[in-house]
Amino acid sequence: MLHENTSMVAASSNVKSMSKRLELMRFIIRKHNQSYQAHIEDAILGIETISMSRLDGWENEICNTLKEKKILSQASVDFIKSPSYGDGGMAAAVRIVSNCKK
């Protein structure tokens, strides 16, 4: 839709394919490149805020679950098995191990 009508700003869809989602995002970013460049700092800081919030959530869930001797969610199990590196995931994993081995 966006390719066919260049006057459109955005479209909504239920894109389930990550590659299609990234293709759509790439198109939107290129189309609005000047606007994004003007707000790049805010965008990067927003991504960092979301990332750290997600990590804090996992860290808190894992520590509380281990202290209460309950079962971890699958998302937390997946995270602790393979923490991400680029967004502070490894540091969160180290804090979890340090705080929860007591």
N, C-alpha and C. Protein backbone atom coordinates (compact mmCIF):
# COMPACT_ATOMS: atom_id res chain seq x y z
N MET A 1 0.82 -1.19 0.00
CA MET A 1 0.00 0.00 0.00
C MET A 1 0.86 1.26 0.00
N LEU A 2 1.86 1.26 0.87
CA LEU A 2 2.71 2.45 0.98
C LEU A 2 3.54 2.66 -0.28
N HIS A 3 3.98 1.57 -0.91
CA HIS A 3 4.75 1.68 -2.15
C HIS A 3 3.90 2.27 -3.27
N GLU A 4 2.61 1.87 -3.31
CA GLU A 4 1.72 2.29 -4.40
C GLU A 4 1.26 3.73 -4.25
N ASN A 5 1.10 4.21 -3.04
CA ASN A 5 0.59 5.56 -2.81
C ASN A 5 1.60 6.34 -1.98
N THR A 6 2.45 7.10 -2.64
CA THR A 6 3.53 7.80 -1.95
C THR A 6 3.06 8.91 -1.03
N SER A 7 1.80 9.31 -1.14
CA SER A 7 1.30 10.36 -0.25
C SER A 7 0.91 9.81 1.12
N MET A 8 0.79 8.49 1.24
CA MET A 8 0.43 7.89 2.53
C MET A 8 1.58 8.04 3.51
N VAL A 9 1.25 8.28 4.76
CA VAL A 9 2.26 8.41 5.80
C VAL A 9 2.53 7.06 6.44
N ALA A 10 1.50 6.31 6.74
CA ALA A 10 1.65 5.01 7.40
C ALA A 10 0.43 4.15 7.11
N ALA A 11 0.59 2.86 7.36
CA ALA A 11 -0.50 1.91 7.23
C ALA A 11 -0.41 0.95 8.40
N SER A 12 -1.50 0.34 8.73
CA SER A 12 -1.51 -0.61 9.84
C SER A 12 -1.76 -2.00 9.29
N SER A 13 -1.13 -2.98 9.94
CA SER A 13 -1.35 -4.36 9.53
C SER A 13 -1.01 -5.27 10.69
N ASN A 14 -1.31 -6.52 10.51
CA ASN A 14 -0.99 -7.53 11.51
C ASN A 14 0.15 -8.38 10.94
N VAL A 15 1.32 -7.78 10.78
CA VAL A 15 2.46 -8.45 10.19
C VAL A 15 3.05 -9.41 11.22
N LYS A 16 3.04 -10.70 10.90
CA LYS A 16 3.58 -11.70 11.82
C LYS A 16 4.98 -12.13 11.43
N SER A 17 5.35 -11.94 10.19
CA SER A 17 6.67 -12.31 9.72
C SER A 17 7.67 -11.21 10.11
N MET A 18 8.73 -11.58 10.81
CA MET A 18 9.71 -10.59 11.22
C MET A 18 10.37 -9.96 10.00
N SER A 19 10.64 -10.72 8.97
CA SER A 19 11.28 -10.15 7.79
C SER A 19 10.34 -9.15 7.10
N LYS A 20 9.06 -9.45 7.04
CA LYS A 20 8.09 -8.50 6.46
C LYS A 20 7.96 -7.26 7.33
N ARG A 21 7.97 -7.47 8.63
CA ARG A 21 7.88 -6.33 9.56
C ARG A 21 9.08 -5.41 9.39
N LEU A 22 10.28 -6.00 9.30
CA LEU A 22 11.49 -5.20 9.12
C LEU A 22 11.49 -4.51 7.76
N GLU A 23 10.96 -5.18 6.74
CA GLU A 23 10.85 -4.56 5.41
C GLU A 23 9.94 -3.33 5.47
N LEU A 24 8.82 -3.46 6.16
CA LEU A 24 7.89 -2.34 6.31
C LEU A 24 8.54 -1.20 7.10
N MET A 25 9.23 -1.54 8.19
CA MET A 25 9.89 -0.51 8.98
C MET A 25 10.99 0.19 8.17
N ARG A 26 11.75 -0.58 7.40
CA ARG A 26 12.81 0.02 6.57
C ARG A 26 12.20 1.01 5.57
N PHE A 27 11.07 0.63 4.97
CA PHE A 27 10.40 1.50 4.01
C PHE A 27 9.96 2.80 4.70
N ILE A 28 9.34 2.68 5.86
CA ILE A 28 8.86 3.86 6.58
C ILE A 28 10.02 4.76 6.99
N ILE A 29 11.10 4.17 7.48
CA ILE A 29 12.26 4.97 7.88
C ILE A 29 12.84 5.71 6.69
N ARG A 30 12.98 5.03 5.57
CA ARG A 30 13.53 5.69 4.38
C ARG A 30 12.60 6.80 3.89
N LYS A 31 11.30 6.55 3.95
CA LYS A 31 10.33 7.54 3.48
C LYS A 31 10.37 8.80 4.35
N HIS A 32 10.60 8.63 5.62
CA HIS A 32 10.58 9.76 6.57
C HIS A 32 11.98 10.01 7.13
N ASN A 33 12.97 9.81 6.32
CA ASN A 33 14.36 9.88 6.74
C ASN A 33 14.70 11.21 7.44
N GLN A 34 14.31 12.33 6.87
CA GLN A 34 14.65 13.63 7.47
C GLN A 34 14.04 13.80 8.85
N SER A 35 12.80 13.36 9.00
CA SER A 35 12.14 13.45 10.29
C SER A 35 12.84 12.58 11.32
N TYR A 36 13.20 11.36 10.93
CA TYR A 36 13.89 10.47 11.86
C TYR A 36 15.26 11.02 12.24
N GLN A 37 15.97 11.58 11.28
CA GLN A 37 17.29 12.13 11.58
C GLN A 37 17.19 13.27 12.59
N ALA A 38 16.14 14.06 12.49
CA ALA A 38 15.96 15.17 13.42
C ALA A 38 15.69 14.69 14.84
N HIS A 39 15.23 13.45 14.99
CA HIS A 39 14.86 12.92 16.31
C HIS A 39 15.65 11.66 16.67
N ILE A 40 16.82 11.47 16.07
CA ILE A 40 17.58 10.24 16.28
C ILE A 40 17.99 10.04 17.73
N GLU A 41 18.38 11.10 18.41
CA GLU A 41 18.76 10.99 19.82
C GLU A 41 17.61 10.44 20.65
N ASP A 42 16.44 11.03 20.49
CA ASP A 42 15.27 10.58 21.25
C ASP A 42 14.91 9.14 20.92
N ALA A 43 15.03 8.77 19.65
CA ALA A 43 14.71 7.40 19.24
C ALA A 43 15.66 6.40 19.88
N ILE A 44 16.96 6.69 19.86
CA ILE A 44 17.94 5.77 20.44
C ILE A 44 17.76 5.68 21.95
N LEU A 45 17.55 6.82 22.60
CA LEU A 45 17.33 6.79 24.05
C LEU A 45 16.03 6.07 24.40
N GLY A 46 15.02 6.20 23.56
CA GLY A 46 13.77 5.47 23.78
C GLY A 46 13.97 3.97 23.68
N ILE A 47 14.75 3.54 22.69
CA ILE A 47 15.05 2.11 22.54
C ILE A 47 15.81 1.61 23.76
N GLU A 48 16.76 2.38 24.22
CA GLU A 48 17.55 1.99 25.40
C GLU A 48 16.64 1.87 26.63
N THR A 49 15.72 2.80 26.79
CA THR A 49 14.79 2.77 27.92
C THR A 49 13.93 1.51 27.89
N ILE A 50 13.40 1.20 26.72
CA ILE A 50 12.58 -0.02 26.57
C ILE A 50 13.40 -1.26 26.85
N SER A 51 14.60 -1.30 26.32
CA SER A 51 15.48 -2.45 26.50
C SER A 51 15.81 -2.66 27.98
N MET A 52 16.17 -1.59 28.66
CA MET A 52 16.52 -1.72 30.08
C MET A 52 15.30 -2.08 30.92
N SER A 53 14.15 -1.59 30.55
CA SER A 53 12.92 -1.93 31.27
C SER A 53 12.63 -3.43 31.12
N ARG A 54 12.82 -3.94 29.92
CA ARG A 54 12.61 -5.37 29.67
C ARG A 54 13.59 -6.20 30.49
N LEU A 55 14.85 -5.80 30.49
CA LEU A 55 15.86 -6.53 31.26
C LEU A 55 15.57 -6.46 32.75
N ASP A 56 15.17 -5.30 33.25
CA ASP A 56 14.83 -5.18 34.67
C ASP A 56 13.67 -6.10 35.03
N GLY A 57 12.70 -6.19 34.12
CA GLY A 57 11.56 -7.08 34.36
C GLY A 57 11.99 -8.53 34.48
N TRP A 58 12.82 -8.97 33.54
CA TRP A 58 13.32 -10.35 33.61
C TRP A 58 14.15 -10.57 34.86
N GLU A 59 15.02 -9.63 35.13
CA GLU A 59 15.90 -9.76 36.30
C GLU A 59 15.07 -9.87 37.58
N ASN A 60 14.08 -9.00 37.73
CA ASN A 60 13.23 -9.04 38.93
C ASN A 60 12.42 -10.33 39.00
N GLU A 61 11.87 -10.75 37.86
CA GLU A 61 11.08 -11.99 37.87
C GLU A 61 11.95 -13.18 38.24
N ILE A 62 13.12 -13.27 37.66
CA ILE A 62 13.99 -14.42 37.91
C ILE A 62 14.42 -14.44 39.38
N CYS A 63 14.88 -13.31 39.90
CA CYS A 63 15.31 -13.27 41.31
C CYS A 63 14.17 -13.59 42.26
N ASN A 64 13.01 -12.99 42.04
CA ASN A 64 11.86 -13.25 42.93
C ASN A 64 11.39 -14.70 42.82
N THR A 65 11.38 -15.24 41.61
CA THR A 65 10.94 -16.61 41.42
C THR A 65 11.89 -17.59 42.11
N LEU A 66 13.19 -17.34 41.98
CA LEU A 66 14.16 -18.22 42.62
C LEU A 66 14.07 -18.12 44.14
N LYS A 67 13.88 -16.91 44.67
CA LYS A 67 13.77 -16.73 46.13
C LYS A 67 12.53 -17.43 46.67
N GLU A 68 11.44 -17.38 45.91
CA GLU A 68 10.18 -17.99 46.33
C GLU A 68 10.10 -19.47 45.96
N LYS A 69 11.14 -19.97 45.28
CA LYS A 69 11.22 -21.38 44.84
C LYS A 69 10.01 -21.75 43.97
N LYS A 70 9.72 -20.87 43.00
CA LYS A 70 8.63 -21.11 42.06
C LYS A 70 9.22 -21.42 40.69
N ILE A 71 8.36 -21.59 39.71
CA ILE A 71 8.79 -21.94 38.36
C ILE A 71 8.91 -20.67 37.51
N LEU A 72 10.02 -20.57 36.77
CA LEU A 72 10.24 -19.42 35.89
C LEU A 72 9.36 -19.49 34.65
N SER A 73 9.01 -18.34 34.12
CA SER A 73 8.29 -18.30 32.84
C SER A 73 9.24 -18.76 31.75
N GLN A 74 8.69 -19.20 30.63
CA GLN A 74 9.52 -19.67 29.52
C GLN A 74 10.40 -18.55 28.98
N ALA A 75 9.88 -17.31 28.95
CA ALA A 75 10.68 -16.18 28.47
C ALA A 75 11.91 -15.97 29.35
N SER A 76 11.74 -16.11 30.65
CA SER A 76 12.87 -15.95 31.56
C SER A 76 13.85 -17.10 31.44
N VAL A 77 13.35 -18.31 31.27
CA VAL A 77 14.22 -19.47 31.06
C VAL A 77 15.05 -19.26 29.80
N ASP A 78 14.40 -18.82 28.72
CA ASP A 78 15.11 -18.58 27.46
C ASP A 78 16.17 -17.49 27.64
N PHE A 79 15.82 -16.43 28.38
CA PHE A 79 16.76 -15.34 28.59
C PHE A 79 17.99 -15.81 29.37
N ILE A 80 17.77 -16.53 30.45
CA ILE A 80 18.89 -16.93 31.30
C ILE A 80 19.77 -17.96 30.59
N LYS A 81 19.18 -18.76 29.69
CA LYS A 81 19.98 -19.71 28.91
C LYS A 81 20.84 -19.00 27.88
N SER A 82 20.33 -17.90 27.34
CA SER A 82 21.04 -17.20 26.28
C SER A 82 20.81 -15.70 26.40
N PRO A 83 21.47 -15.06 27.38
CA PRO A 83 21.27 -13.61 27.53
C PRO A 83 21.81 -12.85 26.33
N SER A 84 21.12 -11.79 25.99
CA SER A 84 21.57 -10.96 24.87
C SER A 84 22.80 -10.16 25.30
N TYR A 85 23.59 -9.76 24.34
CA TYR A 85 24.83 -9.06 24.66
C TYR A 85 24.73 -7.56 24.42
N GLY A 86 24.07 -7.14 23.34
CA GLY A 86 24.09 -5.75 22.92
C GLY A 86 23.27 -4.79 23.76
N ASP A 87 22.41 -5.30 24.61
CA ASP A 87 21.53 -4.39 25.35
C ASP A 87 21.66 -4.54 26.86
N GLY A 88 22.80 -5.00 27.34
CA GLY A 88 22.99 -5.15 28.78
C GLY A 88 22.52 -6.49 29.31
N GLY A 89 22.15 -7.40 28.44
CA GLY A 89 21.66 -8.70 28.88
C GLY A 89 22.66 -9.49 29.69
N MET A 90 23.91 -9.46 29.28
CA MET A 90 24.92 -10.20 30.02
C MET A 90 25.12 -9.62 31.41
N ALA A 91 25.11 -8.29 31.53
CA ALA A 91 25.24 -7.65 32.84
C ALA A 91 24.05 -8.04 33.73
N ALA A 92 22.85 -8.09 33.15
CA ALA A 92 21.67 -8.50 33.91
C ALA A 92 21.82 -9.94 34.38
N ALA A 93 22.34 -10.81 33.51
CA ALA A 93 22.53 -12.21 33.89
C ALA A 93 23.53 -12.34 35.03
N VAL A 94 24.60 -11.56 35.00
CA VAL A 94 25.60 -11.58 36.08
C VAL A 94 24.97 -11.11 37.38
N ARG A 95 24.16 -10.03 37.32
CA ARG A 95 23.49 -9.54 38.53
C ARG A 95 22.53 -10.59 39.08
N ILE A 96 21.83 -11.29 38.21
CA ILE A 96 20.90 -12.33 38.65
C ILE A 96 21.65 -13.41 39.41
N VAL A 97 22.73 -13.89 38.83
CA VAL A 97 23.51 -14.95 39.48
C VAL A 97 24.09 -14.44 40.80
N SER A 98 24.60 -13.22 40.81
CA SER A 98 25.18 -12.66 42.03
C SER A 98 24.15 -12.48 43.13
N ASN A 99 22.98 -11.98 42.78
CA ASN A 99 21.94 -11.70 43.78
C ASN A 99 21.17 -12.91 44.22
N CYS A 100 21.09 -13.91 43.40
CA CYS A 100 20.20 -15.04 43.70
C CYS A 100 20.90 -16.27 44.24
N LYS A 101 22.19 -16.25 44.35
CA LYS A 101 22.86 -17.44 44.86
C LYS A 101 22.90 -17.47 46.39
N LYS A 102 22.34 -16.48 47.02
CA LYS A 102 22.31 -16.41 48.49
C LYS A 102 21.36 -17.41 49.06
